[in-house]
ModelCIF file with pLDDT and N, C-alpha, C, O atoms, coordinates in Angstrom:
data_MODEL
#
_entry.id   MODEL 
#
_entity.id                         1 
_entity.type                       polymer 
_entity.pdbx_number_of_molecules   1 
#
_entity_poly.entity_id                      1 
_entity_poly.type                           'polypeptide(L)' 
_entity_poly.nstd_linkage                   no 
_entity_poly.nstd_monomer                   no 
_entity_poly.pdbx_seq_one_letter_code       
;(UNK)(UNK)(UNK)(UNK)(UNK)(UNK)(UNK)(UNK)(UNK)(UNK)(UNK)(UNK)(UNK)(UNK)(UNK)(UNK)
(UNK)(UNK)(UNK)(UNK)(UNK)(UNK)(UNK)(UNK)(UNK)(UNK)(UNK)(UNK)(UNK)(UNK)(UNK)(UNK)
(UNK)(UNK)(UNK)(UNK)(UNK)(UNK)(UNK)(UNK)(UNK)
;
_entity_poly.pdbx_seq_one_letter_code_can   XXXXXXXXXXXXXXXXXXXXXXXXXXXXXXXXXXXXXXXXX 
_entity_poly.pdbx_strand_id                 A 
#
loop_
_entity_poly_seq.entity_id 
_entity_poly_seq.num 
_entity_poly_seq.mon_id 
_entity_poly_seq.hetero 
1 1  UNK n 
1 2  UNK n 
1 3  UNK n 
1 4  UNK n 
1 5  UNK n 
1 6  UNK n 
1 7  UNK n 
1 8  UNK n 
1 9  UNK n 
1 10 UNK n 
1 11 UNK n 
1 12 UNK n 
1 13 UNK n 
1 14 UNK n 
1 15 UNK n 
1 16 UNK n 
1 17 UNK n 
1 18 UNK n 
1 19 UNK n 
1 20 UNK n 
1 21 UNK n 
1 22 UNK n 
1 23 UNK n 
1 24 UNK n 
1 25 UNK n 
1 26 UNK n 
1 27 UNK n 
1 28 UNK n 
1 29 UNK n 
1 30 UNK n 
1 31 UNK n 
1 32 UNK n 
1 33 UNK n 
1 34 UNK n 
1 35 UNK n 
1 36 UNK n 
1 37 UNK n 
1 38 UNK n 
1 39 UNK n 
1 40 UNK n 
1 41 UNK n 
#
_struct_asym.id          A 
_struct_asym.entity_id   1 
#
loop_
_ma_qa_metric.id 
_ma_qa_metric.mode 
_ma_qa_metric.name 
_ma_qa_metric.software_group_id 
_ma_qa_metric.type 
1 global pLDDT . pLDDT 
2 local  pLDDT . pLDDT 
#
_ma_qa_metric_global.metric_id      1 
_ma_qa_metric_global.metric_value   95.15 
_ma_qa_metric_global.model_id       1 
_ma_qa_metric_global.ordinal_id     1 
#
loop_
_ma_qa_metric_local.label_asym_id 
_ma_qa_metric_local.label_comp_id 
_ma_qa_metric_local.label_seq_id 
_ma_qa_metric_local.metric_id 
_ma_qa_metric_local.metric_value 
_ma_qa_metric_local.model_id 
_ma_qa_metric_local.ordinal_id 
A UNK 1  2 84.00 1 1  
A UNK 2  2 89.00 1 2  
A UNK 3  2 87.00 1 3  
A UNK 4  2 91.00 1 4  
A UNK 5  2 92.00 1 5  
A UNK 6  2 91.00 1 6  
A UNK 7  2 92.00 1 7  
A UNK 8  2 91.00 1 8  
A UNK 9  2 93.00 1 9  
A UNK 10 2 95.00 1 10 
A UNK 11 2 97.00 1 11 
A UNK 12 2 97.00 1 12 
A UNK 13 2 97.00 1 13 
A UNK 14 2 98.00 1 14 
A UNK 15 2 98.00 1 15 
A UNK 16 2 98.00 1 16 
A UNK 17 2 98.00 1 17 
A UNK 18 2 98.00 1 18 
A UNK 19 2 98.00 1 19 
A UNK 20 2 98.00 1 20 
A UNK 21 2 98.00 1 21 
A UNK 22 2 98.00 1 22 
A UNK 23 2 98.00 1 23 
A UNK 24 2 98.00 1 24 
A UNK 25 2 98.00 1 25 
A UNK 26 2 98.00 1 26 
A UNK 27 2 97.00 1 27 
A UNK 28 2 97.00 1 28 
A UNK 29 2 97.00 1 29 
A UNK 30 2 97.00 1 30 
A UNK 31 2 97.00 1 31 
A UNK 32 2 96.00 1 32 
A UNK 33 2 95.00 1 33 
A UNK 34 2 96.00 1 34 
A UNK 35 2 97.00 1 35 
A UNK 36 2 96.00 1 36 
A UNK 37 2 94.00 1 37 
A UNK 38 2 93.00 1 38 
A UNK 39 2 92.00 1 39 
A UNK 40 2 93.00 1 40 
A UNK 41 2 94.00 1 41 
#
loop_
_atom_site.group_PDB 
_atom_site.id 
_atom_site.type_symbol 
_atom_site.label_atom_id 
_atom_site.label_alt_id 
_atom_site.label_comp_id 
_atom_site.label_asym_id 
_atom_site.label_entity_id 
_atom_site.label_seq_id 
_atom_site.pdbx_PDB_ins_code 
_atom_site.Cartn_x 
_atom_site.Cartn_y 
_atom_site.Cartn_z 
_atom_site.occupancy 
_atom_site.B_iso_or_equiv 
_atom_site.pdbx_formal_charge 
_atom_site.auth_seq_id 
_atom_site.auth_comp_id 
_atom_site.auth_asym_id 
_atom_site.auth_atom_id 
_atom_site.pdbx_PDB_model_num 
ATOM 1   N N  . UNK A 1 1  ? -12.846 18.496  -6.050  1.00 84.00 ? 1  UNK A N  1 
ATOM 2   C CA . UNK A 1 1  ? -14.268 18.791  -6.197  1.00 84.00 ? 1  UNK A CA 1 
ATOM 3   C C  . UNK A 1 1  ? -15.000 18.742  -4.871  1.00 84.00 ? 1  UNK A C  1 
ATOM 4   O O  . UNK A 1 1  ? -14.447 19.120  -3.838  1.00 84.00 ? 1  UNK A O  1 
ATOM 5   N N  . UNK A 1 2  ? -16.253 18.274  -4.893  1.00 89.00 ? 2  UNK A N  1 
ATOM 6   C CA . UNK A 1 2  ? -17.026 18.130  -3.657  1.00 89.00 ? 2  UNK A CA 1 
ATOM 7   C C  . UNK A 1 2  ? -16.521 16.891  -2.941  1.00 89.00 ? 2  UNK A C  1 
ATOM 8   O O  . UNK A 1 2  ? -16.609 15.783  -3.470  1.00 89.00 ? 2  UNK A O  1 
ATOM 9   N N  . UNK A 1 3  ? -16.000 17.075  -1.756  1.00 87.00 ? 3  UNK A N  1 
ATOM 10  C CA . UNK A 1 3  ? -15.283 16.000  -1.082  1.00 87.00 ? 3  UNK A CA 1 
ATOM 11  C C  . UNK A 1 3  ? -16.223 15.102  -0.293  1.00 87.00 ? 3  UNK A C  1 
ATOM 12  O O  . UNK A 1 3  ? -17.302 15.515  0.131   1.00 87.00 ? 3  UNK A O  1 
ATOM 13  N N  . UNK A 1 4  ? -15.786 13.871  -0.108  1.00 91.00 ? 4  UNK A N  1 
ATOM 14  C CA . UNK A 1 4  ? -16.575 12.864  0.599   1.00 91.00 ? 4  UNK A CA 1 
ATOM 15  C C  . UNK A 1 4  ? -15.804 12.375  1.826   1.00 91.00 ? 4  UNK A C  1 
ATOM 16  O O  . UNK A 1 4  ? -14.705 12.848  2.115   1.00 91.00 ? 4  UNK A O  1 
ATOM 17  N N  . UNK A 1 5  ? -16.392 11.435  2.529   1.00 92.00 ? 5  UNK A N  1 
ATOM 18  C CA . UNK A 1 5  ? -15.715 10.851  3.682   1.00 92.00 ? 5  UNK A CA 1 
ATOM 19  C C  . UNK A 1 5  ? -14.419 10.152  3.292   1.00 92.00 ? 5  UNK A C  1 
ATOM 20  O O  . UNK A 1 5  ? -13.553 9.922   4.135   1.00 92.00 ? 5  UNK A O  1 
ATOM 21  N N  . UNK A 1 6  ? -14.289 9.815   2.012   1.00 91.00 ? 6  UNK A N  1 
ATOM 22  C CA . UNK A 1 6  ? -13.081 9.091   1.580   1.00 91.00 ? 6  UNK A CA 1 
ATOM 23  C C  . UNK A 1 6  ? -11.845 9.979   1.595   1.00 91.00 ? 6  UNK A C  1 
ATOM 24  O O  . UNK A 1 6  ? -10.735 9.478   1.412   1.00 91.00 ? 6  UNK A O  1 
ATOM 25  N N  . UNK A 1 7  ? -12.003 11.273  1.806   1.00 92.00 ? 7  UNK A N  1 
ATOM 26  C CA . UNK A 1 7  ? -10.832 12.123  2.014   1.00 92.00 ? 7  UNK A CA 1 
ATOM 27  C C  . UNK A 1 7  ? -10.011 11.578  3.177   1.00 92.00 ? 7  UNK A C  1 
ATOM 28  O O  . UNK A 1 7  ? -8.782  11.546  3.112   1.00 92.00 ? 7  UNK A O  1 
ATOM 29  N N  . UNK A 1 8  ? -10.686 11.151  4.240   1.00 91.00 ? 8  UNK A N  1 
ATOM 30  C CA . UNK A 1 8  ? -10.001 10.516  5.365   1.00 91.00 ? 8  UNK A CA 1 
ATOM 31  C C  . UNK A 1 8  ? -9.813  9.025   5.142   1.00 91.00 ? 8  UNK A C  1 
ATOM 32  O O  . UNK A 1 8  ? -8.910  8.412   5.712   1.00 91.00 ? 8  UNK A O  1 
ATOM 33  N N  . UNK A 1 9  ? -10.673 8.443   4.308   1.00 93.00 ? 9  UNK A N  1 
ATOM 34  C CA . UNK A 1 9  ? -10.598 7.004   4.080   1.00 93.00 ? 9  UNK A CA 1 
ATOM 35  C C  . UNK A 1 9  ? -9.380  6.577   3.290   1.00 93.00 ? 9  UNK A C  1 
ATOM 36  O O  . UNK A 1 9  ? -8.853  5.485   3.502   1.00 93.00 ? 9  UNK A O  1 
ATOM 37  N N  . UNK A 1 10 ? -8.920  7.434   2.370   1.00 95.00 ? 10 UNK A N  1 
ATOM 38  C CA . UNK A 1 10 ? -7.775  7.054   1.531   1.00 95.00 ? 10 UNK A CA 1 
ATOM 39  C C  . UNK A 1 10 ? -6.518  6.796   2.355   1.00 95.00 ? 10 UNK A C  1 
ATOM 40  O O  . UNK A 1 10 ? -5.905  5.742   2.187   1.00 95.00 ? 10 UNK A O  1 
ATOM 41  N N  . UNK A 1 11 ? -6.097  7.715   3.246   1.00 97.00 ? 11 UNK A N  1 
ATOM 42  C CA . UNK A 1 11 ? -4.930  7.388   4.067   1.00 97.00 ? 11 UNK A CA 1 
ATOM 43  C C  . UNK A 1 11 ? -5.182  6.257   5.050   1.00 97.00 ? 11 UNK A C  1 
ATOM 44  O O  . UNK A 1 11 ? -4.255  5.524   5.396   1.00 97.00 ? 11 UNK A O  1 
ATOM 45  N N  . UNK A 1 12 ? -6.428  6.103   5.509   1.00 97.00 ? 12 UNK A N  1 
ATOM 46  C CA . UNK A 1 12 ? -6.723  5.001   6.427   1.00 97.00 ? 12 UNK A CA 1 
ATOM 47  C C  . UNK A 1 12 ? -6.543  3.655   5.725   1.00 97.00 ? 12 UNK A C  1 
ATOM 48  O O  . UNK A 1 12 ? -5.965  2.727   6.292   1.00 97.00 ? 12 UNK A O  1 
ATOM 49  N N  . UNK A 1 13 ? -7.037  3.552   4.498   1.00 97.00 ? 13 UNK A N  1 
ATOM 50  C CA . UNK A 1 13 ? -6.840  2.305   3.766   1.00 97.00 ? 13 UNK A CA 1 
ATOM 51  C C  . UNK A 1 13 ? -5.365  2.082   3.479   1.00 97.00 ? 13 UNK A C  1 
ATOM 52  O O  . UNK A 1 13 ? -4.887  0.948   3.510   1.00 97.00 ? 13 UNK A O  1 
ATOM 53  N N  . UNK A 1 14 ? -4.636  3.169   3.198   1.00 98.00 ? 14 UNK A N  1 
ATOM 54  C CA . UNK A 1 14 ? -3.202  3.046   2.964   1.00 98.00 ? 14 UNK A CA 1 
ATOM 55  C C  . UNK A 1 14 ? -2.491  2.516   4.208   1.00 98.00 ? 14 UNK A C  1 
ATOM 56  O O  . UNK A 1 14 ? -1.603  1.670   4.107   1.00 98.00 ? 14 UNK A O  1 
ATOM 57  N N  . UNK A 1 15 ? -2.883  3.016   5.378   1.00 98.00 ? 15 UNK A N  1 
ATOM 58  C CA . UNK A 1 15 ? -2.281  2.531   6.621   1.00 98.00 ? 15 UNK A CA 1 
ATOM 59  C C  . UNK A 1 15 ? -2.578  1.046   6.825   1.00 98.00 ? 15 UNK A C  1 
ATOM 60  O O  . UNK A 1 15 ? -1.703  0.277   7.223   1.00 98.00 ? 15 UNK A O  1 
ATOM 61  N N  . UNK A 1 16 ? -3.808  0.659   6.550   1.00 98.00 ? 16 UNK A N  1 
ATOM 62  C CA . UNK A 1 16 ? -4.187  -0.748  6.657   1.00 98.00 ? 16 UNK A CA 1 
ATOM 63  C C  . UNK A 1 16 ? -3.320  -1.609  5.736   1.00 98.00 ? 16 UNK A C  1 
ATOM 64  O O  . UNK A 1 16 ? -2.835  -2.671  6.125   1.00 98.00 ? 16 UNK A O  1 
ATOM 65  N N  . UNK A 1 17 ? -3.139  -1.123  4.504   1.00 98.00 ? 17 UNK A N  1 
ATOM 66  C CA . UNK A 1 17 ? -2.342  -1.879  3.539   1.00 98.00 ? 17 UNK A CA 1 
ATOM 67  C C  . UNK A 1 17 ? -0.873  -1.942  3.943   1.00 98.00 ? 17 UNK A C  1 
ATOM 68  O O  . UNK A 1 17 ? -0.207  -2.951  3.710   1.00 98.00 ? 17 UNK A O  1 
ATOM 69  N N  . UNK A 1 18 ? -0.365  -0.867  4.549   1.00 98.00 ? 18 UNK A N  1 
ATOM 70  C CA . UNK A 1 18 ? 1.025   -0.874  4.978   1.00 98.00 ? 18 UNK A CA 1 
ATOM 71  C C  . UNK A 1 18 ? 1.288   -1.888  6.067   1.00 98.00 ? 18 UNK A C  1 
ATOM 72  O O  . UNK A 1 18 ? 2.297   -2.593  6.030   1.00 98.00 ? 18 UNK A O  1 
ATOM 73  N N  . UNK A 1 19 ? 0.382   -1.973  7.052   1.00 98.00 ? 19 UNK A N  1 
ATOM 74  C CA . UNK A 1 19 ? 0.525   -2.981  8.104   1.00 98.00 ? 19 UNK A CA 1 
ATOM 75  C C  . UNK A 1 19 ? 0.436   -4.380  7.504   1.00 98.00 ? 19 UNK A C  1 
ATOM 76  O O  . UNK A 1 19 ? 1.211   -5.264  7.869   1.00 98.00 ? 19 UNK A O  1 
ATOM 77  N N  . UNK A 1 20 ? -0.498  -4.578  6.594   1.00 98.00 ? 20 UNK A N  1 
ATOM 78  C CA . UNK A 1 20 ? -0.635  -5.894  5.972   1.00 98.00 ? 20 UNK A CA 1 
ATOM 79  C C  . UNK A 1 20 ? 0.623   -6.268  5.203   1.00 98.00 ? 20 UNK A C  1 
ATOM 80  O O  . UNK A 1 20 ? 1.059   -7.418  5.259   1.00 98.00 ? 20 UNK A O  1 
ATOM 81  N N  . UNK A 1 21 ? 1.214   -5.319  4.487   1.00 98.00 ? 21 UNK A N  1 
ATOM 82  C CA . UNK A 1 21 ? 2.429   -5.608  3.728   1.00 98.00 ? 21 UNK A CA 1 
ATOM 83  C C  . UNK A 1 21 ? 3.555   -6.052  4.657   1.00 98.00 ? 21 UNK A C  1 
ATOM 84  O O  . UNK A 1 21 ? 4.267   -7.010  4.356   1.00 98.00 ? 21 UNK A O  1 
ATOM 85  N N  . UNK A 1 22 ? 3.716   -5.361  5.781   1.00 98.00 ? 22 UNK A N  1 
ATOM 86  C CA . UNK A 1 22 ? 4.782   -5.738  6.715   1.00 98.00 ? 22 UNK A CA 1 
ATOM 87  C C  . UNK A 1 22 ? 4.530   -7.114  7.312   1.00 98.00 ? 22 UNK A C  1 
ATOM 88  O O  . UNK A 1 22 ? 5.460   -7.907  7.456   1.00 98.00 ? 22 UNK A O  1 
ATOM 89  N N  . UNK A 1 23 ? 3.290   -7.401  7.657   1.00 98.00 ? 23 UNK A N  1 
ATOM 90  C CA . UNK A 1 23 ? 2.997   -8.711  8.258   1.00 98.00 ? 23 UNK A CA 1 
ATOM 91  C C  . UNK A 1 23 ? 3.117   -9.834  7.223   1.00 98.00 ? 23 UNK A C  1 
ATOM 92  O O  . UNK A 1 23 ? 3.511   -10.950 7.562   1.00 98.00 ? 23 UNK A O  1 
ATOM 93  N N  . UNK A 1 24 ? 2.782   -9.545  5.979   1.00 98.00 ? 24 UNK A N  1 
ATOM 94  C CA . UNK A 1 24 ? 2.995   -10.538 4.931   1.00 98.00 ? 24 UNK A CA 1 
ATOM 95  C C  . UNK A 1 24 ? 4.484   -10.806 4.723   1.00 98.00 ? 24 UNK A C  1 
ATOM 96  O O  . UNK A 1 24 ? 4.904   -11.954 4.579   1.00 98.00 ? 24 UNK A O  1 
ATOM 97  N N  . UNK A 1 25 ? 5.265   -9.745  4.710   1.00 98.00 ? 25 UNK A N  1 
ATOM 98  C CA . UNK A 1 25 ? 6.711   -9.921  4.550   1.00 98.00 ? 25 UNK A CA 1 
ATOM 99  C C  . UNK A 1 25 ? 7.288   -10.710 5.716   1.00 98.00 ? 25 UNK A C  1 
ATOM 100 O O  . UNK A 1 25 ? 8.167   -11.550 5.524   1.00 98.00 ? 25 UNK A O  1 
ATOM 101 N N  . UNK A 1 26 ? 6.802   -10.447 6.917   1.00 98.00 ? 26 UNK A N  1 
ATOM 102 C CA . UNK A 1 26 ? 7.254   -11.201 8.078   1.00 98.00 ? 26 UNK A CA 1 
ATOM 103 C C  . UNK A 1 26 ? 6.962   -12.693 7.907   1.00 98.00 ? 26 UNK A C  1 
ATOM 104 O O  . UNK A 1 26 ? 7.747   -13.536 8.342   1.00 98.00 ? 26 UNK A O  1 
ATOM 105 N N  . UNK A 1 27 ? 5.844   -13.013 7.280   1.00 97.00 ? 27 UNK A N  1 
ATOM 106 C CA . UNK A 1 27 ? 5.457   -14.406 7.076   1.00 97.00 ? 27 UNK A CA 1 
ATOM 107 C C  . UNK A 1 27 ? 6.150   -15.047 5.873   1.00 97.00 ? 27 UNK A C  1 
ATOM 108 O O  . UNK A 1 27 ? 5.989   -16.245 5.643   1.00 97.00 ? 27 UNK A O  1 
ATOM 109 N N  . UNK A 1 28 ? 6.924   -14.267 5.097   1.00 97.00 ? 28 UNK A N  1 
ATOM 110 C CA . UNK A 1 28 ? 7.667   -14.834 3.978   1.00 97.00 ? 28 UNK A CA 1 
ATOM 111 C C  . UNK A 1 28 ? 7.200   -14.419 2.601   1.00 97.00 ? 28 UNK A C  1 
ATOM 112 O O  . UNK A 1 28 ? 7.777   -14.856 1.606   1.00 97.00 ? 28 UNK A O  1 
ATOM 113 N N  . UNK A 1 29 ? 6.147   -13.568 2.507   1.00 97.00 ? 29 UNK A N  1 
ATOM 114 C CA . UNK A 1 29 ? 5.690   -13.098 1.204   1.00 97.00 ? 29 UNK A CA 1 
ATOM 115 C C  . UNK A 1 29 ? 6.736   -12.177 0.592   1.00 97.00 ? 29 UNK A C  1 
ATOM 116 O O  . UNK A 1 29 ? 7.328   -11.348 1.284   1.00 97.00 ? 29 UNK A O  1 
ATOM 117 N N  . UNK A 1 30 ? 6.958   -12.329 -0.710  1.00 97.00 ? 30 UNK A N  1 
ATOM 118 C CA . UNK A 1 30 ? 7.919   -11.469 -1.399  1.00 97.00 ? 30 UNK A CA 1 
ATOM 119 C C  . UNK A 1 30 ? 7.197   -10.465 -2.290  1.00 97.00 ? 30 UNK A C  1 
ATOM 120 O O  . UNK A 1 30 ? 6.079   -10.699 -2.748  1.00 97.00 ? 30 UNK A O  1 
ATOM 121 N N  . UNK A 1 31 ? 7.871   -9.339  -2.523  1.00 97.00 ? 31 UNK A N  1 
ATOM 122 C CA . UNK A 1 31 ? 7.341   -8.301  -3.398  1.00 97.00 ? 31 UNK A CA 1 
ATOM 123 C C  . UNK A 1 31 ? 8.243   -8.107  -4.607  1.00 97.00 ? 31 UNK A C  1 
ATOM 124 O O  . UNK A 1 31 ? 9.324   -8.692  -4.668  1.00 97.00 ? 31 UNK A O  1 
ATOM 125 N N  . UNK A 1 32 ? 7.818   -7.298  -5.570  1.00 96.00 ? 32 UNK A N  1 
ATOM 126 C CA . UNK A 1 32 ? 8.629   -7.057  -6.771  1.00 96.00 ? 32 UNK A CA 1 
ATOM 127 C C  . UNK A 1 32 ? 10.006  -6.503  -6.418  1.00 96.00 ? 32 UNK A C  1 
ATOM 128 O O  . UNK A 1 32 ? 10.170  -5.778  -5.437  1.00 96.00 ? 32 UNK A O  1 
ATOM 129 N N  . UNK A 1 33 ? 10.996  -6.863  -7.246  1.00 95.00 ? 33 UNK A N  1 
ATOM 130 C CA . UNK A 1 33 ? 12.375  -6.448  -6.966  1.00 95.00 ? 33 UNK A CA 1 
ATOM 131 C C  . UNK A 1 33 ? 12.610  -4.962  -7.194  1.00 95.00 ? 33 UNK A C  1 
ATOM 132 O O  . UNK A 1 33 ? 13.469  -4.362  -6.548  1.00 95.00 ? 33 UNK A O  1 
ATOM 133 N N  . UNK A 1 34 ? 11.855  -4.366  -8.108  1.00 96.00 ? 34 UNK A N  1 
ATOM 134 C CA . UNK A 1 34 ? 12.119  -2.966  -8.462  1.00 96.00 ? 34 UNK A CA 1 
ATOM 135 C C  . UNK A 1 34 ? 10.807  -2.191  -8.566  1.00 96.00 ? 34 UNK A C  1 
ATOM 136 O O  . UNK A 1 34 ? 10.415  -1.805  -9.667  1.00 96.00 ? 34 UNK A O  1 
ATOM 137 N N  . UNK A 1 35 ? 10.122  -1.955  -7.451  1.00 97.00 ? 35 UNK A N  1 
ATOM 138 C CA . UNK A 1 35 ? 8.811   -1.289  -7.508  1.00 97.00 ? 35 UNK A CA 1 
ATOM 139 C C  . UNK A 1 35 ? 8.895   0.161   -7.969  1.00 97.00 ? 35 UNK A C  1 
ATOM 140 O O  . UNK A 1 35 ? 7.939   0.682   -8.543  1.00 97.00 ? 35 UNK A O  1 
ATOM 141 N N  . UNK A 1 36 ? 10.017  0.814   -7.729  1.00 96.00 ? 36 UNK A N  1 
ATOM 142 C CA . UNK A 1 36 ? 10.155  2.209   -8.110  1.00 96.00 ? 36 UNK A CA 1 
ATOM 143 C C  . UNK A 1 36 ? 10.732  2.360   -9.513  1.00 96.00 ? 36 UNK A C  1 
ATOM 144 O O  . UNK A 1 36 ? 10.177  3.090   -10.335 1.00 96.00 ? 36 UNK A O  1 
ATOM 145 N N  . UNK A 1 37 ? 11.821  1.690   -9.790  1.00 94.00 ? 37 UNK A N  1 
ATOM 146 C CA . UNK A 1 37 ? 12.565  1.962   -11.024 1.00 94.00 ? 37 UNK A CA 1 
ATOM 147 C C  . UNK A 1 37 ? 12.472  0.860   -12.063 1.00 94.00 ? 37 UNK A C  1 
ATOM 148 O O  . UNK A 1 37 ? 13.033  1.010   -13.149 1.00 94.00 ? 37 UNK A O  1 
ATOM 149 N N  . UNK A 1 38 ? 11.788  -0.240  -11.779 1.00 93.00 ? 38 UNK A N  1 
ATOM 150 C CA . UNK A 1 38 ? 11.677  -1.318  -12.752 1.00 93.00 ? 38 UNK A CA 1 
ATOM 151 C C  . UNK A 1 38 ? 10.709  -0.986  -13.867 1.00 93.00 ? 38 UNK A C  1 
ATOM 152 O O  . UNK A 1 38 ? 9.990   0.011   -13.807 1.00 93.00 ? 38 UNK A O  1 
ATOM 153 N N  . UNK A 1 39 ? 10.696  -1.832  -14.889 1.00 92.00 ? 39 UNK A N  1 
ATOM 154 C CA . UNK A 1 39 ? 9.764   -1.651  -16.006 1.00 92.00 ? 39 UNK A CA 1 
ATOM 155 C C  . UNK A 1 39 ? 8.326   -1.725  -15.482 1.00 92.00 ? 39 UNK A C  1 
ATOM 156 O O  . UNK A 1 39 ? 7.939   -2.693  -14.828 1.00 92.00 ? 39 UNK A O  1 
ATOM 157 N N  . UNK A 1 40 ? 7.546   -0.685  -15.780 1.00 93.00 ? 40 UNK A N  1 
ATOM 158 C CA . UNK A 1 40 ? 6.190   -0.630  -15.270 1.00 93.00 ? 40 UNK A CA 1 
ATOM 159 C C  . UNK A 1 40 ? 6.107   -0.211  -13.816 1.00 93.00 ? 40 UNK A C  1 
ATOM 160 O O  . UNK A 1 40 ? 5.050   -0.335  -13.197 1.00 93.00 ? 40 UNK A O  1 
ATOM 161 N N  . UNK A 1 41 ? 7.206   0.284   -13.259 1.00 94.00 ? 41 UNK A N  1 
ATOM 162 C CA . UNK A 1 41 ? 7.216   0.693   -11.861 1.00 94.00 ? 41 UNK A CA 1 
ATOM 163 C C  . UNK A 1 41 ? 6.731   2.114   -11.677 1.00 94.00 ? 41 UNK A C  1 
ATOM 164 O O  . UNK A 1 41 ? 6.681   2.608   -10.550 1.00 94.00 ? 41 UNK A O  1 
#
């Protein structure tokens, strides 16, 4: 539809979240075992 600034914001937030996920994992945070193929994945 009529696009907003969030057209660029969506990948930017995704990039922010990706860096955070890696730094959390580095610190010992764990994620789900089957994010793609598990139940509800």
